[in-house]
Amino acid sequence: MKTCTSLLFAAGLLLSAHGAEAQKIALVGFNLLDMENLKVVRDQTLVMEGSQILALGARQSLKLDSNTTRVDLSGKYLLPGLIDAHTHHGTEPEGGDNPQLTKSRLQALLRGGVTTVRDMGGDIRVLRHWQRLAQLDEIQSPDIYYSVIIGGVGFFSDPRTQASAKGAIPGQVDWMRAVDDNTDFDALMQRTLGTGATGIKIYAQVPAHLIRKLSGAAKRHGVKVWSHAYIGPDKPSDVIEAGVETISHTPDLSAQIIPHYENWRRKDLPIDNNTLAASLAPASYTDLLNTLRDKGTILDATISVFEQLKDRNNNSASVYQHTAMLTRLAHQAGVTIAAGTDFQADKAGLPYPMLHHELQLLVDDAGMTPLQALQAATLNGAKVLGMQDNIGSIGKGKMANILVLNQDPSQNIQHSRDIYAVIKHGHFVYRGDDARLPFVSARKAAGMLYMSGQIGNFPGTLTLAGEGIDMQMHQTMQNIGAVLKEHNLGFNDVVKCTLMLADIGDWAKASEVYKSYFQSALPARSAFAAAGLALNAKVEVECLAAL
């Protein structure tokens, strides 16, 4: 609840910075994908103000006042913004997670409908920076919740930990801590909270009796308890019994059967045929999966990473085989499954977030219905974070993180990729050039960025942000700001604007809003009255920026 409150406060600051009041917006006539009851509810209307949902109900049952802007979503399908429960954006800040690539990845996630991610280990100095920018909507990014890595002393010789702790000693920093019998676990959790982390990730080489102490201390201090399914030296059943709330990587459940599991999975060493056969026998896992279900432990399956790496070495195809089988068995046993990817879409060559591929695998490999797969990527992901009261479903008082689709994903999970609009913190997300329009938003030439005129429509829609000049002008300037950000520019890079007004009498009000977006010297500007602006808008603004 504390985290959600801070997001609401941040959204309010963004509005007040430019003198804009929170606007009531009604999304009208959509078909709701109810993630709690796994059904499609037809012809619904939702009202949001600021970053919160105010009301939800049948179109005929909600009376909208005259100050509410209506967005017609008839025939569209609406669900909560997606949650990727397993990402990494700070493992190698100077390498594969460099700022330029990470910013691009975060933008692609948000534009692809992912409004929240759980980062499962990296340099918190970097992740905290990205988290703040995402929370303030200074960059296009899902909201980011990250973890502190916990391991045995021997684990921190792993080269990946060196990159994430650069300038310090892995295992001796607050975001990457070694534990043993002498650890003060309550103090550890207090320091974890000090990093801004939502949870701990118990990674490797931590015996079960210490996991139990970690779990107890974490729950006392409101820290989520996450771990790999196999940590070593103990079996997955011991990890579950020790009180871990979410375990990651389905194939690691086979460590219940395969002795010296790390030799098979990590070191690519062979196992004998009898052991392999036993590890592929569904009956071998009945007790384990029943325990997983009865304890309420969530399984972060991460099918994608093992599917993508199935040709990497001698055992990887078998690892993927275990992944598919065990995820299906877990689903059949009634285990709660969350959708995490642990793999980047750009590495897989996909033009959409990896989470959409994970959804497909949950249907194809795990035997889920499309609605069950979507629940794994929404409500169950929120449960992993302990934020199911705020995100992961659509309802009054929830965060307005929303995905709107053109087609029904309950009939075909691939329709999750056919996106009409993404809404984060109650704001429509700019998703790049609109293919329906006969022009692009901007072109570069001779050291300048020539920008097409912008009106005050919500990005990706043909709906103006209200009837008044104030709201339309704010939305117009926000649309310009989105295009500038696309080219790594800001309003201070703008050198010339042209203001076109349907009513020249609105000049003073429009100018007051306009000036609030420039923090330094104002650009040059022309203004004139113009009849017949697109969508019958009250204002259009065209700008030129220096590269």
Protein backbone atom coordinates (compact mmCIF):
# COMPACT_ATOMS: atom_id res chain seq x y z
CA MET A 1 0.00 0.00 0.00
CA LYS A 2 2.88 2.37 0.78
CA THR A 3 4.33 1.86 -2.70
CA CYS A 4 0.98 2.48 -4.39
CA THR A 5 0.50 5.68 -2.37
CA SER A 6 3.88 6.97 -3.56
CA LEU A 7 2.89 6.27 -7.17
CA LEU A 8 -0.35 8.18 -6.74
CA PHE A 9 1.58 11.07 -5.19
CA ALA A 10 4.09 11.07 -8.06
CA ALA A 11 1.26 11.17 -10.59
CA GLY A 12 -0.20 14.15 -8.77
CA LEU A 13 3.13 15.98 -8.86
CA LEU A 14 3.35 15.52 -12.63
CA LEU A 15 -0.06 17.12 -13.10
CA SER A 16 0.51 19.99 -10.69
CA ALA A 17 3.93 20.81 -12.20
CA HIS A 18 2.14 22.25 -15.24
CA GLY A 19 -0.92 23.56 -13.43
CA ALA A 20 -3.17 20.81 -14.78
CA GLU A 21 -6.00 19.37 -12.74
CA ALA A 22 -6.67 15.63 -12.71
CA GLN A 23 -9.16 14.85 -15.46
CA LYS A 24 -12.06 12.43 -15.29
CA ILE A 25 -11.93 10.08 -18.25
CA ALA A 26 -14.54 7.44 -19.05
CA LEU A 27 -13.61 4.43 -21.15
CA VAL A 28 -16.95 3.45 -22.62
CA GLY A 29 -18.37 0.25 -24.09
CA PHE A 30 -15.45 -2.18 -23.82
CA ASN A 31 -15.47 -5.90 -23.04
CA LEU A 32 -13.74 -6.52 -19.71
CA LEU A 33 -11.41 -9.45 -19.19
CA ASP A 34 -12.14 -10.19 -15.54
CA MET A 35 -8.89 -11.63 -14.17
CA GLU A 36 -10.38 -12.58 -10.81
CA ASN A 37 -13.28 -14.62 -12.17
CA LEU A 38 -11.75 -15.65 -15.52
CA LYS A 39 -14.56 -14.43 -17.73
CA VAL A 40 -15.35 -11.76 -20.30
CA VAL A 41 -17.91 -9.18 -19.18
CA ARG A 42 -19.52 -7.34 -22.09
CA ASP A 43 -20.27 -3.64 -22.62
CA GLN A 44 -18.56 -2.11 -19.58
CA THR A 45 -17.59 1.45 -18.70
CA LEU A 46 -14.72 2.57 -16.49
CA VAL A 47 -14.10 6.01 -15.02
CA MET A 48 -10.58 7.06 -14.01
CA GLU A 49 -9.19 10.25 -12.53
CA GLY A 50 -5.51 10.89 -12.08
CA SER A 51 -3.95 7.46 -11.70
CA GLN A 52 -6.91 5.74 -10.04
CA ILE A 53 -10.01 3.92 -11.21
CA LEU A 54 -13.05 5.63 -9.73
CA ALA A 55 -15.83 3.40 -11.00
CA LEU A 56 -16.52 0.30 -13.11
CA GLY A 57 -19.81 -1.11 -14.28
CA ALA A 58 -22.19 -1.84 -17.10
CA ARG A 59 -22.44 0.99 -19.61
CA GLN A 60 -26.09 1.69 -18.76
CA SER A 61 -25.50 1.66 -14.99
CA LEU A 62 -22.89 4.44 -14.79
CA LYS A 63 -24.06 8.02 -15.09
CA LEU A 64 -21.33 10.29 -16.38
CA ASP A 65 -21.28 13.98 -15.53
CA SER A 66 -20.64 16.70 -18.08
CA ASN A 67 -17.03 17.16 -16.93
CA THR A 68 -16.10 13.60 -17.86
CA THR A 69 -14.31 13.01 -21.17
CA ARG A 70 -15.63 9.94 -22.96
CA VAL A 71 -13.39 7.59 -24.95
CA ASP A 72 -15.40 5.16 -27.07
CA LEU A 73 -13.97 1.65 -26.79
CA SER A 74 -16.91 -0.21 -28.27
CA GLY A 75 -15.79 -3.62 -29.49
CA LYS A 76 -12.41 -3.40 -27.74
CA TYR A 77 -11.12 -5.70 -24.99
CA LEU A 78 -9.76 -4.27 -21.75
CA LEU A 79 -7.61 -5.93 -19.09
CA PRO A 80 -5.05 -4.89 -16.48
CA GLY A 81 -1.59 -3.88 -17.66
CA LEU A 82 0.63 -6.94 -17.90
CA ILE A 83 3.22 -7.85 -15.25
CA ASP A 84 6.48 -9.59 -16.13
CA ALA A 85 7.42 -11.36 -12.90
CA HIS A 86 11.02 -12.08 -13.88
CA THR A 87 13.27 -9.55 -15.61
CA HIS A 88 16.87 -8.33 -15.32
CA HIS A 89 17.79 -4.75 -16.20
CA GLY A 90 20.86 -4.10 -14.07
CA THR A 91 23.07 -7.20 -14.15
CA GLU A 92 25.78 -5.68 -16.37
CA PRO A 93 25.28 -1.89 -16.33
CA GLU A 94 28.33 -1.25 -18.51
CA GLY A 95 27.65 -4.20 -20.80
CA GLY A 96 24.45 -5.92 -21.85
CA ASP A 97 22.35 -3.67 -19.61
CA ASN A 98 23.92 -0.38 -20.66
CA PRO A 99 21.74 2.75 -20.33
CA GLN A 100 20.88 3.15 -24.00
CA LEU A 101 19.81 -0.47 -24.44
CA THR A 102 17.97 -0.62 -21.11
CA LYS A 103 16.00 2.55 -21.85
CA SER A 104 15.01 1.10 -25.23
CA ARG A 105 13.95 -2.19 -23.64
CA LEU A 106 11.88 -0.49 -20.97
CA GLN A 107 10.14 1.62 -23.60
CA ALA A 108 9.35 -1.46 -25.70
CA LEU A 109 7.92 -3.21 -22.65
CA LEU A 110 5.54 -0.38 -21.83
CA ARG A 111 4.44 0.18 -25.42
CA GLY A 112 3.83 -3.56 -25.62
CA GLY A 113 1.41 -3.52 -22.69
CA VAL A 114 3.73 -4.39 -19.78
CA THR A 115 3.08 -1.83 -17.05
CA THR A 116 4.95 -3.54 -14.18
CA VAL A 117 8.12 -5.63 -13.91
CA ARG A 118 9.83 -7.48 -11.09
CA ASP A 119 13.59 -7.24 -11.47
CA MET A 120 15.24 -10.32 -10.02
CA GLY A 121 18.74 -9.18 -9.27
CA GLY A 122 21.23 -6.57 -10.40
CA ASP A 123 22.96 -3.38 -9.39
CA ILE A 124 20.42 -1.53 -7.27
CA ARG A 125 22.31 1.73 -7.80
CA VAL A 126 21.17 1.49 -11.42
CA LEU A 127 17.76 -0.05 -10.79
CA ARG A 128 16.85 2.65 -8.29
CA HIS A 129 17.55 5.27 -10.96
CA TRP A 130 15.33 3.53 -13.51
CA GLN A 131 12.64 2.95 -10.88
CA ARG A 132 12.46 6.66 -10.05
CA LEU A 133 12.29 7.72 -13.68
CA ALA A 134 9.55 5.15 -14.33
CA GLN A 135 7.59 6.16 -11.24
CA LEU A 136 7.64 9.81 -12.32
CA ASP A 137 6.93 8.88 -15.97
CA GLU A 138 10.09 10.73 -16.95
CA ILE A 139 10.83 7.83 -19.28
CA GLN A 140 8.55 5.32 -20.93
CA SER A 141 8.89 2.32 -18.67
CA PRO A 142 6.87 -0.14 -16.61
CA ASP A 143 6.92 0.44 -12.87
CA ILE A 144 9.96 -1.42 -11.52
CA TYR A 145 10.15 -3.46 -8.31
CA TYR A 146 13.49 -5.05 -7.52
CA SER A 147 15.14 -7.50 -5.17
CA VAL A 148 18.21 -7.91 -3.00
CA ILE A 149 20.23 -11.03 -3.85
CA ILE A 150 20.98 -13.40 -0.98
CA GLY A 151 23.45 -16.28 -1.28
CA GLY A 152 26.01 -18.38 0.47
CA VAL A 153 29.55 -17.04 0.60
CA GLY A 154 30.69 -19.33 -2.22
CA PHE A 155 28.04 -18.06 -4.63
CA PHE A 156 29.55 -14.61 -4.86
CA SER A 157 32.48 -15.84 -6.92
CA ASP A 158 29.99 -15.93 -9.82
CA PRO A 159 31.29 -13.43 -12.45
CA ARG A 160 27.84 -11.87 -12.86
CA THR A 161 27.95 -10.67 -9.27
CA GLN A 162 31.20 -8.82 -9.97
CA ALA A 163 29.51 -6.67 -12.63
CA SER A 164 26.49 -5.94 -10.44
CA ALA A 165 28.66 -4.92 -7.47
CA LYS A 166 31.31 -2.99 -9.41
CA GLY A 167 33.37 -0.83 -7.06
CA ALA A 168 32.41 -2.98 -4.05
CA ILE A 169 32.73 -6.57 -2.87
CA PRO A 170 29.94 -8.98 -3.90
CA GLY A 171 28.33 -10.48 -0.84
CA GLN A 172 29.27 -7.49 1.29
CA VAL A 173 26.96 -4.84 -0.16
CA ASP A 174 23.34 -4.21 0.74
CA TRP A 175 21.97 -5.33 -2.62
CA MET A 176 24.05 -8.52 -2.73
CA ARG A 177 24.53 -10.09 0.68
CA ALA A 178 26.18 -13.33 1.83
CA VAL A 179 24.56 -15.07 4.79
CA ASP A 180 25.63 -17.71 7.29
CA ASP A 181 24.74 -18.80 10.83
CA ASN A 182 26.17 -15.58 12.26
CA THR A 183 24.00 -13.23 10.20
CA ASP A 184 21.71 -10.80 12.02
CA PHE A 185 18.62 -11.43 9.86
CA ASP A 186 16.49 -8.61 11.27
CA ALA A 187 19.26 -6.11 10.60
CA LEU A 188 19.61 -7.57 7.11
CA MET A 189 15.92 -6.90 6.41
CA GLN A 190 16.15 -3.35 7.69
CA ARG A 191 19.05 -2.73 5.31
CA THR A 192 17.06 -4.39 2.52
CA LEU A 193 14.21 -1.95 3.08
CA GLY A 194 16.77 0.85 3.00
CA THR A 195 17.71 -0.07 -0.55
CA GLY A 196 14.11 0.37 -1.70
CA ALA A 197 13.82 -3.31 -2.59
CA THR A 198 10.44 -5.03 -2.45
CA GLY A 199 11.83 -8.48 -1.71
CA ILE A 200 14.85 -10.71 -1.27
CA LYS A 201 15.89 -13.26 -3.87
CA ILE A 202 17.58 -16.27 -2.31
CA TYR A 203 19.80 -17.34 -5.16
CA ALA A 204 22.14 -20.21 -4.30
CA GLN A 205 24.07 -22.13 -1.67
CA VAL A 206 21.84 -21.29 1.29
CA PRO A 207 20.82 -24.27 3.47
CA ALA A 208 17.18 -24.71 4.43
CA HIS A 209 17.64 -23.81 8.10
CA LEU A 210 18.93 -20.39 7.03
CA ILE A 211 16.12 -19.99 4.50
CA ARG A 212 13.70 -20.46 7.36
CA LYS A 213 15.41 -17.68 9.33
CA LEU A 214 15.46 -15.42 6.26
CA SER A 215 11.76 -16.03 5.63
CA GLY A 216 10.78 -15.32 9.20
CA ALA A 217 12.75 -12.08 9.40
CA ALA A 218 11.55 -10.90 5.99
CA LYS A 219 7.89 -11.39 6.89
CA ARG A 220 8.35 -9.55 10.17
CA HIS A 221 9.62 -6.53 8.27
CA GLY A 222 7.24 -6.62 5.29
CA VAL A 223 9.82 -7.87 2.79
CA LYS A 224 8.70 -10.38 0.15
CA VAL A 225 10.51 -13.75 0.10
CA TRP A 226 11.52 -14.97 -3.36
CA SER A 227 13.99 -17.68 -4.35
CA HIS A 228 15.08 -20.09 -7.00
CA ALA A 229 13.24 -23.40 -6.85
CA TYR A 230 16.61 -25.04 -6.32
CA ILE A 231 19.09 -23.19 -4.14
CA GLY A 232 21.25 -26.03 -2.90
CA PRO A 233 22.24 -27.99 -1.00
CA ASP A 234 18.66 -28.86 -0.02
CA LYS A 235 15.79 -30.00 -2.23
CA PRO A 236 12.93 -27.82 -3.57
CA SER A 237 10.55 -29.31 -0.99
CA ASP A 238 12.82 -27.98 1.77
CA VAL A 239 12.81 -24.51 0.19
CA ILE A 240 9.01 -24.50 0.04
CA GLU A 241 8.64 -25.75 3.61
CA ALA A 242 11.03 -23.03 4.79
CA GLY A 243 8.48 -20.34 3.94
CA VAL A 244 9.50 -18.93 0.56
CA GLU A 245 6.55 -17.13 -1.06
CA THR A 246 7.53 -17.38 -4.75
CA ILE A 247 9.95 -19.78 -6.41
CA SER A 248 11.45 -19.27 -9.87
CA HIS A 249 12.31 -21.63 -12.73
CA THR A 250 10.08 -24.66 -13.18
CA PRO A 251 12.75 -27.15 -14.33
CA ASP A 252 14.55 -26.74 -11.02
CA LEU A 253 11.73 -28.68 -9.39
CA SER A 254 13.39 -31.74 -10.90
CA ALA A 255 16.16 -31.27 -8.31
CA GLN A 256 13.74 -33.16 -6.09
CA ILE A 257 14.64 -36.26 -8.12
CA ILE A 258 18.02 -35.56 -9.73
CA PRO A 259 20.95 -35.79 -7.25
CA HIS A 260 23.75 -33.22 -7.53
CA TYR A 261 21.34 -31.22 -9.62
CA GLU A 262 23.70 -28.33 -10.33
CA ASN A 263 26.01 -30.72 -12.20
CA TRP A 264 23.22 -31.49 -14.66
CA ARG A 265 21.65 -28.06 -14.99
CA ARG A 266 24.60 -25.71 -14.54
CA LYS A 267 27.61 -27.78 -15.55
CA ASP A 268 25.97 -29.81 -18.36
CA LEU A 269 27.12 -33.16 -16.95
CA PRO A 270 25.16 -36.33 -17.84
CA ILE A 271 22.87 -38.28 -15.53
CA ASP A 272 22.13 -42.00 -15.77
CA ASN A 273 19.11 -43.24 -17.70
CA ASN A 274 17.23 -44.45 -14.63
CA THR A 275 17.49 -41.04 -12.96
CA LEU A 276 16.44 -39.30 -16.18
CA ALA A 277 13.43 -41.59 -16.52
CA ALA A 278 12.42 -40.98 -12.91
CA SER A 279 12.76 -37.21 -13.39
CA LEU A 280 10.35 -37.36 -16.34
CA ALA A 281 7.75 -39.47 -14.53
CA PRO A 282 4.80 -37.31 -13.42
CA ALA A 283 4.18 -39.47 -10.35
CA SER A 284 7.60 -38.47 -9.01
CA TYR A 285 6.31 -34.96 -8.31
CA THR A 286 2.88 -35.55 -6.80
CA ASP A 287 3.88 -34.83 -3.21
CA LEU A 288 6.06 -31.85 -4.15
CA LEU A 289 3.36 -30.17 -6.22
CA ASN A 290 0.72 -30.80 -3.58
CA THR A 291 2.99 -29.13 -1.02
CA LEU A 292 3.59 -26.22 -3.40
CA ARG A 293 -0.17 -25.76 -3.79
CA ASP A 294 -1.09 -26.26 -0.14
CA LYS A 295 1.56 -23.82 1.08
CA GLY A 296 0.27 -21.18 -1.34
CA THR A 297 3.72 -20.81 -2.86
CA ILE A 298 3.64 -19.16 -6.28
CA LEU A 299 5.60 -20.67 -9.17
CA ASP A 300 7.35 -18.17 -11.46
CA ALA A 301 7.64 -20.59 -14.38
CA THR A 302 9.93 -18.70 -16.82
CA ILE A 303 9.27 -21.11 -19.68
CA SER A 304 10.63 -18.63 -22.23
CA VAL A 305 14.25 -18.66 -21.12
CA PHE A 306 14.50 -22.45 -21.31
CA GLU A 307 12.68 -22.59 -24.63
CA GLN A 308 15.05 -19.97 -26.06
CA LEU A 309 18.14 -21.80 -24.77
CA LYS A 310 17.05 -25.35 -25.60
CA ASP A 311 19.88 -25.78 -28.14
CA ARG A 312 22.62 -24.25 -26.00
CA ASN A 313 24.32 -27.45 -24.74
CA ASN A 314 23.89 -31.20 -24.28
CA ASN A 315 21.30 -31.06 -21.50
CA SER A 316 19.37 -27.92 -22.49
CA ALA A 317 16.76 -29.72 -24.62
CA SER A 318 16.02 -32.01 -21.68
CA VAL A 319 15.86 -29.01 -19.34
CA TYR A 320 13.21 -27.49 -21.60
CA GLN A 321 11.36 -30.81 -21.69
CA HIS A 322 11.27 -30.77 -17.88
CA THR A 323 10.12 -27.14 -17.96
CA ALA A 324 7.09 -27.86 -20.15
CA MET A 325 6.14 -31.04 -18.31
CA LEU A 326 6.47 -29.62 -14.81
CA THR A 327 4.66 -26.38 -15.59
CA ARG A 328 1.77 -28.40 -16.99
CA LEU A 329 1.76 -30.69 -13.93
CA ALA A 330 1.89 -27.71 -11.58
CA HIS A 331 -1.05 -26.12 -13.36
CA GLN A 332 -3.03 -29.37 -13.21
CA ALA A 333 -2.25 -29.65 -9.48
CA GLY A 334 -3.72 -26.18 -8.83
CA VAL A 335 -0.44 -24.38 -8.15
CA THR A 336 -0.62 -20.61 -8.63
CA ILE A 337 1.62 -19.73 -11.59
CA ALA A 338 2.99 -16.29 -12.42
CA ALA A 339 4.30 -15.30 -15.84
CA GLY A 340 7.96 -14.30 -15.85
CA THR A 341 10.36 -14.41 -18.79
CA ASP A 342 14.00 -14.02 -17.69
CA PHE A 343 14.87 -13.28 -21.32
CA GLN A 344 15.00 -10.16 -23.45
CA ALA A 345 12.80 -9.82 -26.54
CA ASP A 346 15.59 -8.20 -28.57
CA LYS A 347 17.80 -11.24 -27.96
CA ALA A 348 14.97 -13.46 -29.19
CA GLY A 349 14.39 -11.26 -32.24
CA LEU A 350 10.78 -10.53 -31.26
CA PRO A 351 9.03 -7.24 -32.16
CA TYR A 352 6.90 -7.42 -29.00
CA PRO A 353 7.66 -8.00 -25.30
CA MET A 354 8.84 -11.47 -24.35
CA LEU A 355 5.90 -11.75 -21.99
CA HIS A 356 3.54 -12.23 -24.94
CA HIS A 357 5.66 -15.23 -25.96
CA GLU A 358 5.48 -16.54 -22.39
CA LEU A 359 1.70 -16.31 -22.60
CA GLN A 360 1.76 -18.43 -25.75
CA LEU A 361 3.96 -21.02 -24.03
CA LEU A 362 1.69 -21.13 -20.98
CA VAL A 363 -1.13 -22.07 -23.34
CA ASP A 364 0.84 -24.43 -25.60
CA ASP A 365 3.17 -26.07 -23.08
CA ALA A 366 1.31 -25.77 -19.78
CA GLY A 367 -2.21 -26.37 -21.11
CA MET A 368 -3.68 -23.18 -19.73
CA THR A 369 -6.66 -21.49 -21.29
CA PRO A 370 -5.87 -18.01 -22.65
CA LEU A 371 -7.66 -16.41 -19.69
CA GLN A 372 -5.64 -18.48 -17.23
CA ALA A 373 -2.42 -17.43 -18.97
CA LEU A 374 -3.48 -13.78 -18.79
CA GLN A 375 -4.26 -14.21 -15.10
CA ALA A 376 -0.69 -15.48 -14.64
CA ALA A 377 0.57 -12.25 -16.25
CA THR A 378 -1.70 -9.93 -14.27
CA LEU A 379 -3.31 -10.91 -10.98
CA ASN A 380 -0.79 -13.62 -10.11
CA GLY A 381 2.11 -11.31 -10.88
CA ALA A 382 0.56 -8.75 -8.55
CA LYS A 383 0.32 -11.42 -5.84
CA VAL A 384 4.04 -12.12 -6.23
CA LEU A 385 4.69 -8.45 -5.43
CA GLY A 386 2.09 -8.37 -2.66
CA MET A 387 0.26 -5.65 -4.60
CA GLN A 388 -2.93 -7.43 -5.65
CA ASP A 389 -5.01 -4.76 -3.89
CA ASN A 390 -3.57 -2.12 -6.24
CA ILE A 391 -2.70 -3.73 -9.57
CA GLY A 392 -3.33 -6.95 -11.49
CA SER A 393 -7.10 -6.56 -11.86
CA ILE A 394 -9.59 -3.88 -12.84
CA GLY A 395 -11.78 -2.38 -10.14
CA LYS A 396 -12.68 0.69 -8.13
CA GLY A 397 -9.69 2.08 -6.24
CA LYS A 398 -7.14 0.16 -8.32
CA MET A 399 -4.27 1.77 -10.21
CA ALA A 400 -5.29 2.75 -13.74
CA ASN A 401 -2.72 0.53 -15.46
CA ILE A 402 -4.66 -0.77 -18.43
CA LEU A 403 -4.19 -2.65 -21.70
CA VAL A 404 -6.77 -2.24 -24.47
CA LEU A 405 -6.80 -4.81 -27.29
CA ASN A 406 -8.45 -4.82 -30.69
CA GLN A 407 -9.38 -8.52 -30.58
CA ASP A 408 -10.48 -11.01 -27.94
CA PRO A 409 -7.45 -12.76 -26.37
CA SER A 410 -9.70 -15.23 -24.57
CA GLN A 411 -10.31 -16.81 -27.98
CA ASN A 412 -6.71 -16.63 -29.21
CA ILE A 413 -3.82 -15.70 -26.94
CA GLN A 414 -1.96 -14.15 -29.87
CA HIS A 415 -4.49 -11.33 -29.75
CA SER A 416 -2.65 -10.05 -26.65
CA ARG A 417 -0.22 -8.52 -29.14
CA ASP A 418 -2.91 -6.65 -31.12
CA ILE A 419 -2.82 -3.51 -28.98
CA TYR A 420 -5.13 -0.54 -29.36
CA ALA A 421 -3.91 1.46 -26.36
CA VAL A 422 -1.79 1.24 -23.21
CA ILE A 423 -2.65 3.32 -20.15
CA LYS A 424 -0.20 3.76 -17.28
CA HIS A 425 -0.97 5.77 -14.16
CA GLY A 426 -4.15 6.93 -15.87
CA HIS A 427 -2.36 8.37 -18.92
CA PHE A 428 -2.53 7.08 -22.47
CA VAL A 429 0.95 5.99 -23.57
CA TYR A 430 2.43 7.39 -26.77
CA ARG A 431 3.36 4.31 -28.83
CA GLY A 432 5.09 5.91 -31.80
CA ASP A 433 3.79 6.93 -35.21
CA ASP A 434 0.17 6.08 -35.97
CA ALA A 435 0.05 3.98 -39.14
CA ARG A 436 -3.47 5.28 -39.85
CA LEU A 437 -2.14 8.80 -40.48
CA PRO A 438 -0.58 10.03 -43.76
CA PHE A 439 2.44 11.57 -42.05
CA VAL A 440 5.06 10.86 -39.38
CA SER A 441 5.39 12.68 -36.08
CA ALA A 442 8.85 14.10 -36.86
CA ARG A 443 11.74 14.06 -39.32
CA LYS A 444 15.40 14.98 -38.85
CA ALA A 445 17.15 17.26 -41.34
CA ALA A 446 20.09 19.68 -41.26
CA GLY A 447 20.59 19.37 -37.50
CA MET A 448 16.94 20.05 -36.74
CA LEU A 449 13.89 18.00 -35.76
CA TYR A 450 10.87 19.06 -37.80
CA MET A 451 7.75 18.04 -35.90
CA SER A 452 4.27 17.59 -37.29
CA GLY A 453 1.50 19.57 -35.68
CA GLN A 454 -0.03 18.05 -32.56
CA ILE A 455 -3.57 18.41 -31.27
CA GLY A 456 -4.95 17.47 -27.88
CA ASN A 457 -6.05 13.90 -28.56
CA PHE A 458 -5.20 11.01 -26.29
CA PRO A 459 -2.32 9.13 -27.98
CA GLY A 460 -3.48 6.44 -30.36
CA THR A 461 -7.12 7.57 -30.20
CA LEU A 462 -9.34 10.02 -32.06
CA THR A 463 -10.66 11.46 -28.79
CA LEU A 464 -9.79 14.95 -27.63
CA ALA A 465 -8.87 15.49 -23.98
CA GLY A 466 -12.02 17.38 -23.09
CA GLU A 467 -13.83 20.29 -24.68
CA GLY A 468 -12.00 23.17 -22.99
CA ILE A 469 -8.85 24.88 -24.22
CA ASP A 470 -6.97 24.14 -20.95
CA MET A 471 -7.22 20.35 -21.14
CA GLN A 472 -6.69 20.23 -24.89
CA MET A 473 -3.64 22.47 -24.61
CA HIS A 474 -2.11 20.36 -21.83
CA GLN A 475 -2.63 17.19 -23.88
CA THR A 476 -1.19 18.88 -26.97
CA MET A 477 1.96 19.82 -25.08
CA GLN A 478 2.22 16.35 -23.57
CA ASN A 479 1.98 14.86 -27.07
CA ILE A 480 4.78 17.16 -28.21
CA GLY A 481 6.82 16.14 -25.18
CA ALA A 482 6.37 12.46 -26.05
CA VAL A 483 7.72 13.04 -29.56
CA LEU A 484 10.66 15.01 -28.19
CA LYS A 485 11.49 12.19 -25.77
CA GLU A 486 11.37 9.76 -28.68
CA HIS A 487 14.36 11.65 -30.09
CA ASN A 488 16.11 12.15 -26.71
CA LEU A 489 15.14 15.80 -26.61
CA GLY A 490 13.12 18.01 -24.28
CA PHE A 491 11.19 21.25 -24.39
CA ASN A 492 14.36 23.25 -23.80
CA ASP A 493 15.58 22.03 -27.20
CA VAL A 494 12.58 23.62 -28.96
CA VAL A 495 13.54 26.76 -30.90
CA LYS A 496 10.32 27.66 -32.74
CA CYS A 497 6.60 26.87 -32.41
CA THR A 498 3.49 27.79 -34.35
CA LEU A 499 0.23 28.00 -32.41
CA MET A 500 -3.00 27.54 -34.35
CA LEU A 501 -6.23 28.38 -32.51
CA ALA A 502 -9.80 27.72 -33.56
CA ASP A 503 -10.70 30.80 -31.51
CA ILE A 504 -8.06 33.51 -31.20
CA GLY A 505 -9.85 34.52 -28.01
CA ASP A 506 -8.24 31.45 -26.39
CA TRP A 507 -4.77 32.93 -26.96
CA ALA A 508 -4.20 33.96 -23.32
CA LYS A 509 -5.33 30.64 -21.78
CA ALA A 510 -3.40 28.61 -24.33
CA SER A 511 -0.27 30.68 -23.77
CA GLU A 512 -0.45 30.23 -20.00
CA VAL A 513 -0.46 26.44 -20.39
CA TYR A 514 2.17 26.58 -23.14
CA LYS A 515 4.66 28.56 -21.02
CA SER A 516 4.46 26.09 -18.13
CA TYR A 517 6.25 23.45 -20.23
CA PHE A 518 9.42 25.51 -20.76
CA GLN A 519 11.86 25.78 -17.87
CA SER A 520 14.40 28.07 -19.55
CA ALA A 521 14.17 30.59 -22.37
CA LEU A 522 10.99 30.46 -24.40
CA PRO A 523 11.27 29.54 -28.08
CA ALA A 524 10.25 31.84 -30.88
CA ARG A 525 6.55 31.55 -31.72
CA SER A 526 3.86 32.51 -34.16
CA ALA A 527 0.13 32.31 -33.50
CA PHE A 528 -2.94 32.69 -35.67
CA ALA A 529 -6.58 31.71 -35.87
CA ALA A 530 -7.35 28.66 -38.00
CA ALA A 531 -10.73 27.20 -38.86
CA GLY A 532 -11.37 23.49 -39.29
CA LEU A 533 -8.59 21.91 -37.20
CA ALA A 534 -8.52 18.09 -37.17
CA LEU A 535 -11.16 16.45 -34.92
CA ASN A 536 -12.61 19.96 -34.48
CA ALA A 537 -9.79 20.64 -32.01
CA LYS A 538 -9.42 24.01 -30.33
CA VAL A 539 -5.64 24.11 -30.82
CA GLU A 540 -2.80 22.68 -32.87
CA VAL A 541 0.88 23.31 -32.16
CA GLU A 542 3.77 22.68 -34.53
CA CYS A 543 7.36 22.85 -33.24
CA LEU A 544 10.93 22.81 -34.47
CA ALA A 545 13.75 21.55 -32.21
CA ALA A 546 17.54 21.66 -32.44
CA LEU A 547 19.30 18.28 -32.41
